[in-house]
Amino acid sequence: MDVYDKLTILSDSAKYDVSCSSSGVERGNTPGGTGNTAGCGICHSFAADGRCISLLKVLMSNSCIYDCKYCVNRRSNDTRRAMFTPEELADLTMNFYRRNYIEGLFLSSGIMRNPDYTTEQLIKVLELLRYTHRFNGYIHVKAIPGAAPELITRLGLLADRMSVNIELPTQDSLRLLAPDKSKESILKPMSAIRQGIQENSSDLVKYRHAPRFVPGGQSTQMIVGATPDSDLRIITLTESLYKKFQLKRVYFSAYTPVMEDSLLPALDSKPPLLREHRLYQADWLLRFYGFEAKELLDEGAPNFNPFMDPKCNWAMNHIDQFPVEVNTAPYDKLVRVPGIGIRSAKRIVTARKAGRIDFHGLKKLGVVLKRAQYFITCSGRRLEGLKVNESTILRSLISKREYSMYLPSPQVEQLSLFSDEELAGGAGKEVLLP
């Protein structure tokens, strides 16, 4: 099998992993080296300036000793197998980079033989790139659950970002669909990476030229829709991961049915893309808006409203906390108003130092008044002529089509000259009109 055939198979096998991220790393070129790493982004992502960035996203091997029921590369699946040698993959990356096809490498692998052996093969690839080819570009590599801590450390000193995919949010789900994996085997390398990052930060303070350990941080991925786990369970775990492991990102992947199994959704099921979208919106609220998971969902409502984004849904459920006075409210209150984002809230805080803000000024500051007008006051007054009730607020927050689905119209019946009792009692009898 030639390199092109291997690339075709192994790049296709890698497409279900969505945990690609902006690098967040700055590394300049060195004399005799190749390439650099820009902090604006990488990995088929969109940079802050709107550019679409590309990378070589590939598995080293799609052979795997595990038999995860949701995975197309599982041991029991009848599929074409392939494996790159470290030299082939390093040469392929450099050739693509020199031709300006890519700006970095996203490397993962199925588990070959055992986790330690797989990690050693990944290390060989990265050592060839960093030391033989002197490649200074961006590298994101997957840490293999169950690998020895010293191998994780070696891998982290070569990569810019690492990730360990949790895949399923509960131990019960792992036991059911991924019996070869355990919660402990997944969280152990995440802890090792976090500890390595913390120790490296101290070393860099003392020694300017100390080697950098995973400067772009770590991330993870969870599959949505393969198990009956609720949004509350997923978002609560997400919050815990951010706090405990200082993750850069948690990615959500709507489950695409590729394997037929009685424990999985049917093959003709559509991926829950809207649910994935709501989880990303909630993730944004956790990271930047100061929300907590328990504020967004509870046991009584464990899943997100499909018709309304989580922030608007929270506002409708806490209407007693509004309206907010934009000229005096603190920043953390402003960002909770639908239609006011991080940037516009900061602008409001800055602008009101020079004078009082009215509704016309809010529009200039980037506030979406169509949404925000129902939840704010300016100098104690609402917008002139505004009617505030549940129906008008809902119409401003969701589309007309979604509104009709969210509040279906009552059933309309034709008026009758007779009551139901009269019709029932007179069945089979002649009815004379007066």
Protein backbone atom coordinates (compact mmCIF):
# COMPACT_ATOMS: atom_id res chain seq x y z
CA MET A 1 0.00 0.00 0.00
CA ASP A 2 1.50 3.35 -1.02
CA VAL A 3 1.47 6.57 1.02
CA TYR A 4 -1.44 8.06 -0.96
CA ASP A 5 -3.68 5.07 -0.18
CA LYS A 6 -2.71 5.27 3.49
CA LEU A 7 -3.49 8.99 3.53
CA THR A 8 -6.90 8.38 1.95
CA ILE A 9 -7.84 5.79 4.57
CA LEU A 10 -6.36 7.47 7.64
CA SER A 11 -7.55 11.01 6.91
CA ASP A 12 -11.08 9.70 6.38
CA SER A 13 -10.89 7.79 9.68
CA ALA A 14 -9.93 11.00 11.52
CA LYS A 15 -12.92 13.08 10.37
CA TYR A 16 -15.12 12.23 13.38
CA ASP A 17 -12.77 13.94 15.83
CA VAL A 18 -13.91 17.57 16.09
CA SER A 19 -11.57 18.74 18.85
CA CYS A 20 -9.54 20.95 16.53
CA SER A 21 -8.71 24.31 18.00
CA SER A 22 -6.86 27.58 17.59
CA SER A 23 -3.29 27.19 18.71
CA GLY A 24 -2.96 30.07 21.16
CA VAL A 25 0.81 29.69 20.73
CA GLU A 26 3.41 32.07 19.33
CA ARG A 27 6.70 30.52 18.10
CA GLY A 28 9.01 32.28 15.70
CA ASN A 29 11.30 30.66 13.17
CA THR A 30 14.91 29.90 14.00
CA PRO A 31 18.01 29.94 11.77
CA GLY A 32 17.93 26.81 9.66
CA GLY A 33 14.42 25.91 10.88
CA THR A 34 11.16 25.56 8.96
CA GLY A 35 7.94 27.45 9.67
CA ASN A 36 6.51 29.16 12.73
CA THR A 37 3.37 29.07 14.86
CA ALA A 38 0.97 32.02 15.00
CA GLY A 39 -1.40 32.52 17.91
CA CYS A 40 -4.28 33.48 15.63
CA GLY A 41 -5.29 29.87 15.03
CA ILE A 42 -4.93 26.55 13.28
CA CYS A 43 -6.86 23.33 12.56
CA HIS A 44 -9.61 24.07 10.04
CA SER A 45 -10.77 26.80 12.36
CA PHE A 46 -11.57 30.45 11.81
CA ALA A 47 -9.01 32.88 13.16
CA ALA A 48 -9.86 36.13 14.90
CA ASP A 49 -9.32 38.01 11.65
CA GLY A 50 -11.74 35.72 9.76
CA ARG A 51 -9.15 33.54 8.01
CA CYS A 52 -9.86 29.84 7.54
CA ILE A 53 -6.82 27.88 8.69
CA SER A 54 -5.91 24.37 7.55
CA LEU A 55 -3.89 21.45 8.86
CA LEU A 56 -3.11 17.85 8.12
CA LYS A 57 -5.65 15.97 10.24
CA VAL A 58 -4.81 12.28 10.22
CA LEU A 59 -4.53 9.10 12.25
CA MET A 60 -1.22 7.32 12.52
CA SER A 61 -3.16 4.05 12.39
CA ASN A 62 -6.82 3.09 12.31
CA SER A 63 -6.08 -0.34 13.78
CA CYS A 64 -7.34 -0.48 17.36
CA ILE A 65 -7.36 -3.08 20.10
CA TYR A 66 -10.47 -1.49 21.64
CA ASP A 67 -14.04 -2.29 20.62
CA CYS A 68 -15.97 0.93 21.29
CA LYS A 69 -19.41 0.39 19.78
CA TYR A 70 -19.74 3.95 18.42
CA CYS A 71 -16.34 4.03 16.69
CA VAL A 72 -15.84 3.28 13.01
CA ASN A 73 -12.30 2.07 13.80
CA ARG A 74 -13.33 -0.43 16.46
CA ARG A 75 -11.70 -3.84 16.53
CA SER A 76 -14.76 -5.78 15.34
CA ASN A 77 -15.56 -3.49 12.40
CA ASP A 78 -14.77 -4.81 8.94
CA THR A 79 -12.87 -1.88 7.42
CA ARG A 80 -9.62 -1.30 5.56
CA ARG A 81 -6.70 -0.88 7.94
CA ALA A 82 -3.55 1.15 7.39
CA MET A 83 -0.62 2.51 9.35
CA PHE A 84 2.00 5.18 8.68
CA THR A 85 5.57 4.68 9.72
CA PRO A 86 6.96 7.64 11.71
CA GLU A 87 9.23 8.53 8.76
CA GLU A 88 6.34 8.49 6.25
CA LEU A 89 4.17 10.74 8.38
CA ALA A 90 6.97 13.21 9.14
CA ASP A 91 7.92 13.44 5.43
CA LEU A 92 4.27 13.84 4.42
CA THR A 93 3.77 16.68 6.89
CA MET A 94 6.88 18.54 5.70
CA ASN A 95 6.02 18.11 2.03
CA PHE A 96 2.49 19.45 2.59
CA TYR A 97 3.83 22.34 4.66
CA ARG A 98 6.45 23.37 2.06
CA ARG A 99 3.73 23.42 -0.62
CA ASN A 100 1.63 25.68 1.61
CA TYR A 101 -1.18 23.10 1.80
CA ILE A 102 -1.24 23.14 5.60
CA GLU A 103 -0.12 25.21 8.56
CA GLY A 104 0.22 22.44 11.10
CA LEU A 105 -0.51 18.86 12.13
CA PHE A 106 -3.38 17.30 14.08
CA LEU A 107 -2.27 13.77 14.96
CA SER A 108 -4.17 10.97 16.65
CA SER A 109 -4.20 7.20 16.41
CA GLY A 110 -6.04 4.00 17.18
CA ILE A 111 -4.55 1.98 20.02
CA MET A 112 -1.88 -0.27 18.48
CA ARG A 113 -0.76 -3.22 20.69
CA ASN A 114 -1.09 -1.13 23.88
CA PRO A 115 -1.25 2.56 24.95
CA ASP A 116 2.51 2.80 25.67
CA TYR A 117 3.54 1.45 22.26
CA THR A 118 1.12 3.83 20.50
CA THR A 119 2.43 6.82 22.46
CA GLU A 120 6.02 5.85 21.60
CA GLN A 121 5.16 5.86 17.89
CA LEU A 122 3.58 9.32 18.21
CA ILE A 123 6.70 10.55 20.00
CA LYS A 124 8.90 9.27 17.16
CA VAL A 125 6.87 11.27 14.63
CA LEU A 126 7.12 14.46 16.66
CA GLU A 127 10.85 13.98 17.33
CA LEU A 128 11.51 13.60 13.61
CA LEU A 129 9.55 16.81 12.92
CA ARG A 130 11.08 18.87 15.73
CA TYR A 131 14.68 17.64 15.72
CA THR A 132 15.40 16.19 12.26
CA HIS A 133 13.28 18.55 10.12
CA ARG A 134 13.47 21.40 12.68
CA PHE A 135 9.76 22.05 12.20
CA ASN A 136 8.50 25.00 14.28
CA GLY A 137 4.88 24.83 13.13
CA TYR A 138 1.82 23.97 15.19
CA ILE A 139 1.27 20.38 16.37
CA HIS A 140 -1.83 19.13 18.19
CA VAL A 141 -1.53 15.52 19.36
CA LYS A 142 -3.88 13.17 21.17
CA ALA A 143 -2.72 11.74 24.48
CA ILE A 144 -3.49 8.05 24.70
CA PRO A 145 -5.50 6.99 27.80
CA GLY A 146 -3.56 4.43 29.82
CA ALA A 147 -0.09 5.54 28.66
CA ALA A 148 2.70 5.88 31.23
CA PRO A 149 3.08 9.39 32.77
CA GLU A 150 6.70 9.71 31.59
CA LEU A 151 5.58 9.11 27.98
CA ILE A 152 2.87 11.75 28.35
CA THR A 153 5.56 14.17 29.58
CA ARG A 154 7.83 13.46 26.58
CA LEU A 155 4.90 13.93 24.21
CA GLY A 156 3.90 17.20 25.87
CA LEU A 157 7.36 18.68 25.46
CA LEU A 158 7.09 18.18 21.68
CA ALA A 159 3.49 19.31 21.08
CA ASP A 160 1.77 22.68 21.22
CA ARG A 161 -1.58 21.31 22.39
CA MET A 162 -2.75 17.97 23.69
CA SER A 163 -6.20 16.52 24.15
CA VAL A 164 -7.73 13.48 25.80
CA ASN A 165 -11.20 12.65 24.53
CA ILE A 166 -13.71 11.76 27.24
CA GLU A 167 -16.23 10.76 24.54
CA LEU A 168 -19.04 9.74 26.95
CA PRO A 169 -20.05 11.74 30.03
CA THR A 170 -20.66 8.94 32.57
CA GLN A 171 -18.96 5.78 33.74
CA ASP A 172 -22.15 3.83 33.02
CA SER A 173 -22.12 5.00 29.40
CA LEU A 174 -18.46 4.04 29.05
CA ARG A 175 -19.14 0.62 30.53
CA LEU A 176 -21.99 0.12 28.08
CA LEU A 177 -20.45 1.40 24.84
CA ALA A 178 -16.69 1.47 25.49
CA PRO A 179 -15.98 -1.43 27.89
CA ASP A 180 -12.21 -1.24 27.30
CA LYS A 181 -12.06 2.33 28.63
CA SER A 182 -12.61 3.67 32.13
CA LYS A 183 -13.09 7.06 33.69
CA GLU A 184 -9.81 6.68 35.58
CA SER A 185 -7.76 5.87 32.46
CA ILE A 186 -9.09 9.02 30.76
CA LEU A 187 -8.75 11.45 33.68
CA LYS A 188 -5.25 10.25 34.67
CA PRO A 189 -3.46 11.69 31.59
CA MET A 190 -5.56 14.85 31.89
CA SER A 191 -4.26 15.27 35.44
CA ALA A 192 -0.69 14.59 34.26
CA ILE A 193 -0.99 17.25 31.55
CA ARG A 194 -2.43 19.80 33.99
CA GLN A 195 0.36 19.12 36.49
CA GLY A 196 2.99 19.37 33.74
CA ILE A 197 1.63 22.73 32.60
CA GLN A 198 1.66 24.08 36.16
CA GLU A 199 5.22 22.88 36.83
CA ASN A 200 6.41 24.25 33.50
CA SER A 201 4.94 27.67 34.30
CA SER A 202 7.09 27.79 37.44
CA ASP A 203 10.17 26.66 35.51
CA LEU A 204 9.70 29.38 32.90
CA VAL A 205 9.65 32.01 35.65
CA LYS A 206 13.02 30.77 36.92
CA TYR A 207 14.63 29.78 33.62
CA ARG A 208 13.80 31.80 30.52
CA HIS A 209 14.90 29.09 28.08
CA ALA A 210 13.27 26.14 29.86
CA PRO A 211 11.49 23.78 27.40
CA ARG A 212 7.80 24.55 27.09
CA PHE A 213 5.25 21.89 28.01
CA VAL A 214 1.99 21.98 26.01
CA PRO A 215 1.99 25.80 25.69
CA GLY A 216 -1.42 25.74 23.98
CA GLY A 217 -3.07 23.87 26.87
CA GLN A 218 -5.34 20.84 26.60
CA SER A 219 -8.86 20.15 25.34
CA THR A 220 -11.34 17.27 25.14
CA GLN A 221 -14.39 16.05 23.24
CA MET A 222 -17.75 14.56 24.19
CA ILE A 223 -20.16 12.71 21.91
CA VAL A 224 -23.74 13.98 22.04
CA GLY A 225 -26.69 11.73 21.27
CA ALA A 226 -25.12 8.27 21.41
CA THR A 227 -26.43 7.72 24.97
CA PRO A 228 -29.50 8.99 26.86
CA ASP A 229 -27.39 11.32 29.04
CA SER A 230 -29.11 14.67 29.55
CA ASP A 231 -27.76 18.12 28.69
CA LEU A 232 -27.60 18.82 32.42
CA ARG A 233 -25.19 15.90 32.92
CA ILE A 234 -23.03 16.99 29.99
CA ILE A 235 -22.86 20.67 30.90
CA THR A 236 -22.21 19.90 34.59
CA LEU A 237 -19.27 17.69 33.60
CA THR A 238 -18.06 20.41 31.25
CA GLU A 239 -18.05 22.96 34.08
CA SER A 240 -16.18 20.53 36.33
CA LEU A 241 -13.51 19.88 33.67
CA TYR A 242 -12.85 23.60 33.21
CA LYS A 243 -12.42 24.10 36.95
CA LYS A 244 -10.42 20.97 37.74
CA PHE A 245 -8.18 20.61 34.70
CA GLN A 246 -8.09 24.21 33.37
CA LEU A 247 -9.05 23.02 29.88
CA LYS A 248 -8.89 25.45 26.98
CA ARG A 249 -11.96 23.99 25.28
CA VAL A 250 -14.53 21.25 25.57
CA TYR A 251 -15.85 20.16 22.16
CA PHE A 252 -19.20 18.53 21.49
CA SER A 253 -19.72 16.17 18.59
CA ALA A 254 -23.24 15.27 17.46
CA TYR A 255 -23.27 11.50 17.08
CA THR A 256 -23.40 10.41 13.46
CA PRO A 257 -24.71 6.83 13.18
CA VAL A 258 -22.04 4.83 11.38
CA MET A 259 -22.31 1.52 13.23
CA GLU A 260 -25.36 -0.70 13.61
CA ASP A 261 -25.91 -1.83 17.18
CA SER A 262 -28.94 -2.32 19.41
CA LEU A 263 -27.40 0.04 22.01
CA LEU A 264 -26.96 2.90 19.51
CA PRO A 265 -29.41 5.11 17.59
CA ALA A 266 -30.65 3.65 14.30
CA LEU A 267 -28.53 4.20 11.19
CA ASP A 268 -31.23 6.44 9.66
CA SER A 269 -31.23 8.74 12.70
CA LYS A 270 -30.14 12.30 12.03
CA PRO A 271 -27.26 13.77 14.05
CA PRO A 272 -28.58 16.05 16.85
CA LEU A 273 -26.96 19.16 15.40
CA LEU A 274 -29.29 21.63 17.13
CA ARG A 275 -28.58 20.03 20.49
CA GLU A 276 -24.84 20.28 19.78
CA HIS A 277 -25.33 23.96 18.94
CA ARG A 278 -27.16 24.64 22.22
CA LEU A 279 -24.36 22.95 24.18
CA TYR A 280 -21.77 25.17 22.49
CA GLN A 281 -23.87 28.24 23.36
CA ALA A 282 -24.07 27.10 26.98
CA ASP A 283 -20.33 26.39 27.01
CA TRP A 284 -19.76 29.99 25.91
CA LEU A 285 -21.93 31.21 28.80
CA LEU A 286 -19.87 29.18 31.28
CA ARG A 287 -16.54 30.43 29.94
CA PHE A 288 -17.22 34.12 29.34
CA TYR A 289 -20.55 35.22 30.85
CA GLY A 290 -20.18 34.02 34.44
CA PHE A 291 -23.04 31.51 34.36
CA GLU A 292 -23.02 28.24 36.27
CA ALA A 293 -24.44 24.96 35.00
CA LYS A 294 -27.05 24.84 37.78
CA GLU A 295 -28.43 28.20 36.64
CA LEU A 296 -29.02 27.01 33.09
CA LEU A 297 -30.59 23.61 33.78
CA ASP A 298 -32.00 21.59 36.67
CA GLU A 299 -33.56 18.21 37.31
CA GLY A 300 -36.97 19.59 36.41
CA ALA A 301 -35.72 20.78 33.01
CA PRO A 302 -32.59 18.69 32.25
CA ASN A 303 -32.37 19.56 28.53
CA PHE A 304 -32.02 22.85 26.66
CA ASN A 305 -34.97 24.48 24.95
CA PRO A 306 -34.61 23.68 21.22
CA PHE A 307 -36.47 26.86 20.22
CA MET A 308 -34.46 29.37 22.25
CA ASP A 309 -30.78 29.86 23.04
CA PRO A 310 -29.76 29.17 26.69
CA LYS A 311 -29.21 32.83 27.60
CA CYS A 312 -32.65 33.94 26.38
CA ASN A 313 -34.25 30.90 27.98
CA TRP A 314 -32.61 31.77 31.31
CA ALA A 315 -33.85 35.37 31.03
CA MET A 316 -37.44 34.23 30.38
CA ASN A 317 -37.28 31.92 33.40
CA HIS A 318 -35.88 34.73 35.61
CA ILE A 319 -37.96 37.64 34.40
CA ASP A 320 -38.13 38.88 38.01
CA GLN A 321 -34.47 39.97 37.73
CA PHE A 322 -35.34 42.45 34.99
CA PRO A 323 -35.42 45.21 33.85
CA VAL A 324 -31.76 46.18 34.31
CA GLU A 325 -30.81 49.85 34.40
CA VAL A 326 -27.98 50.22 31.88
CA ASN A 327 -26.59 53.41 33.46
CA THR A 328 -25.95 51.86 36.86
CA ALA A 329 -25.97 48.06 36.55
CA PRO A 330 -22.64 46.27 37.12
CA TYR A 331 -20.93 44.51 34.25
CA ASP A 332 -21.91 41.01 35.40
CA LYS A 333 -25.59 42.04 35.26
CA LEU A 334 -25.32 43.66 31.85
CA VAL A 335 -23.86 40.57 30.16
CA ARG A 336 -26.88 38.55 31.26
CA VAL A 337 -29.25 40.72 29.26
CA PRO A 338 -30.30 39.14 25.93
CA GLY A 339 -28.90 41.29 23.12
CA ILE A 340 -25.92 42.54 25.17
CA GLY A 341 -22.66 40.66 24.60
CA ILE A 342 -19.21 40.85 26.15
CA ARG A 343 -18.00 43.61 23.86
CA SER A 344 -21.12 45.79 24.06
CA ALA A 345 -21.26 45.42 27.87
CA LYS A 346 -17.67 46.68 28.13
CA ARG A 347 -18.55 49.58 25.83
CA ILE A 348 -21.52 50.50 28.01
CA VAL A 349 -19.38 50.52 31.18
CA THR A 350 -16.84 52.77 29.46
CA ALA A 351 -19.34 55.10 27.74
CA ARG A 352 -21.49 55.83 30.80
CA LYS A 353 -18.48 57.39 32.53
CA ALA A 354 -18.82 60.30 30.11
CA GLY A 355 -22.59 60.70 30.45
CA ARG A 356 -25.92 58.95 30.60
CA ILE A 357 -26.81 56.48 27.85
CA ASP A 358 -30.14 56.40 26.02
CA PHE A 359 -31.62 53.80 23.68
CA HIS A 360 -30.21 55.50 20.61
CA GLY A 361 -26.74 55.36 22.15
CA LEU A 362 -27.10 51.68 22.99
CA LYS A 363 -27.66 50.87 19.34
CA LYS A 364 -24.44 52.65 18.42
CA LEU A 365 -22.60 50.62 21.07
CA GLY A 366 -23.59 47.37 19.37
CA VAL A 367 -26.56 46.33 21.53
CA VAL A 368 -29.24 44.29 19.72
CA LEU A 369 -32.22 46.37 20.81
CA LYS A 370 -34.75 44.00 19.27
CA ARG A 371 -33.92 41.62 22.11
CA ALA A 372 -32.55 43.87 24.82
CA GLN A 373 -35.37 46.46 24.87
CA TYR A 374 -37.65 44.21 26.94
CA PHE A 375 -35.03 43.65 29.65
CA ILE A 376 -33.53 47.11 30.20
CA THR A 377 -34.32 50.68 31.18
CA CYS A 378 -32.44 53.90 30.41
CA SER A 379 -32.59 56.44 33.21
CA GLY A 380 -35.48 54.47 34.71
CA ARG A 381 -37.61 54.48 31.55
CA ARG A 382 -38.48 51.84 29.01
CA LEU A 383 -38.51 52.47 25.28
CA GLU A 384 -41.47 54.67 24.38
CA GLY A 385 -44.52 52.75 23.13
CA LEU A 386 -43.07 49.35 24.07
CA LYS A 387 -45.57 46.67 25.09
CA VAL A 388 -44.05 44.20 27.52
CA ASN A 389 -45.71 40.81 27.83
CA GLU A 390 -44.68 37.19 27.36
CA SER A 391 -46.00 36.99 23.81
CA THR A 392 -44.17 40.07 22.50
CA ILE A 393 -40.92 39.08 24.23
CA LEU A 394 -41.04 35.59 22.73
CA ARG A 395 -41.68 37.00 19.26
CA SER A 396 -38.54 39.13 19.56
CA LEU A 397 -36.36 36.24 20.77
CA ILE A 398 -37.32 33.51 18.31
CA SER A 399 -38.37 33.32 14.68
CA LYS A 400 -41.99 33.25 13.51
CA ARG A 401 -41.71 29.57 12.57
CA GLU A 402 -40.19 28.66 15.95
CA TYR A 403 -42.82 30.75 17.73
CA SER A 404 -45.62 28.76 16.11
CA MET A 405 -43.90 25.52 17.17
CA TYR A 406 -43.13 26.81 20.68
CA LEU A 407 -46.71 28.02 21.28
CA PRO A 408 -48.94 26.02 18.96
CA SER A 409 -52.25 27.60 18.03
CA PRO A 410 -55.31 26.22 19.82
CA GLN A 411 -57.44 23.77 17.90
CA VAL A 412 -60.20 25.58 16.03
CA GLU A 413 -63.58 23.87 15.79
CA GLN A 414 -66.57 24.79 13.63
CA LEU A 415 -69.50 26.26 15.57
CA SER A 416 -72.44 23.90 15.99
CA LEU A 417 -76.14 24.63 16.44
CA PHE A 418 -76.36 21.79 18.95
CA SER A 419 -74.49 20.75 22.04
CA ASP A 420 -72.51 17.50 22.12
CA GLU A 421 -75.04 16.02 24.53
CA GLU A 422 -77.94 16.76 22.19
CA LEU A 423 -76.10 15.25 19.25
CA ALA A 424 -75.19 12.18 21.24
CA GLY A 425 -78.70 11.72 22.57
CA GLY A 426 -80.29 12.26 19.19
CA ALA A 427 -78.18 9.84 17.27
CA GLY A 428 -80.28 8.03 14.72
CA LYS A 429 -83.23 10.41 15.27
CA GLU A 430 -84.60 13.03 12.92
CA VAL A 431 -83.59 16.51 13.95
CA LEU A 432 -86.04 19.31 13.18
CA LEU A 433 -84.76 22.85 12.91
CA PRO A 434 -86.88 25.41 14.73
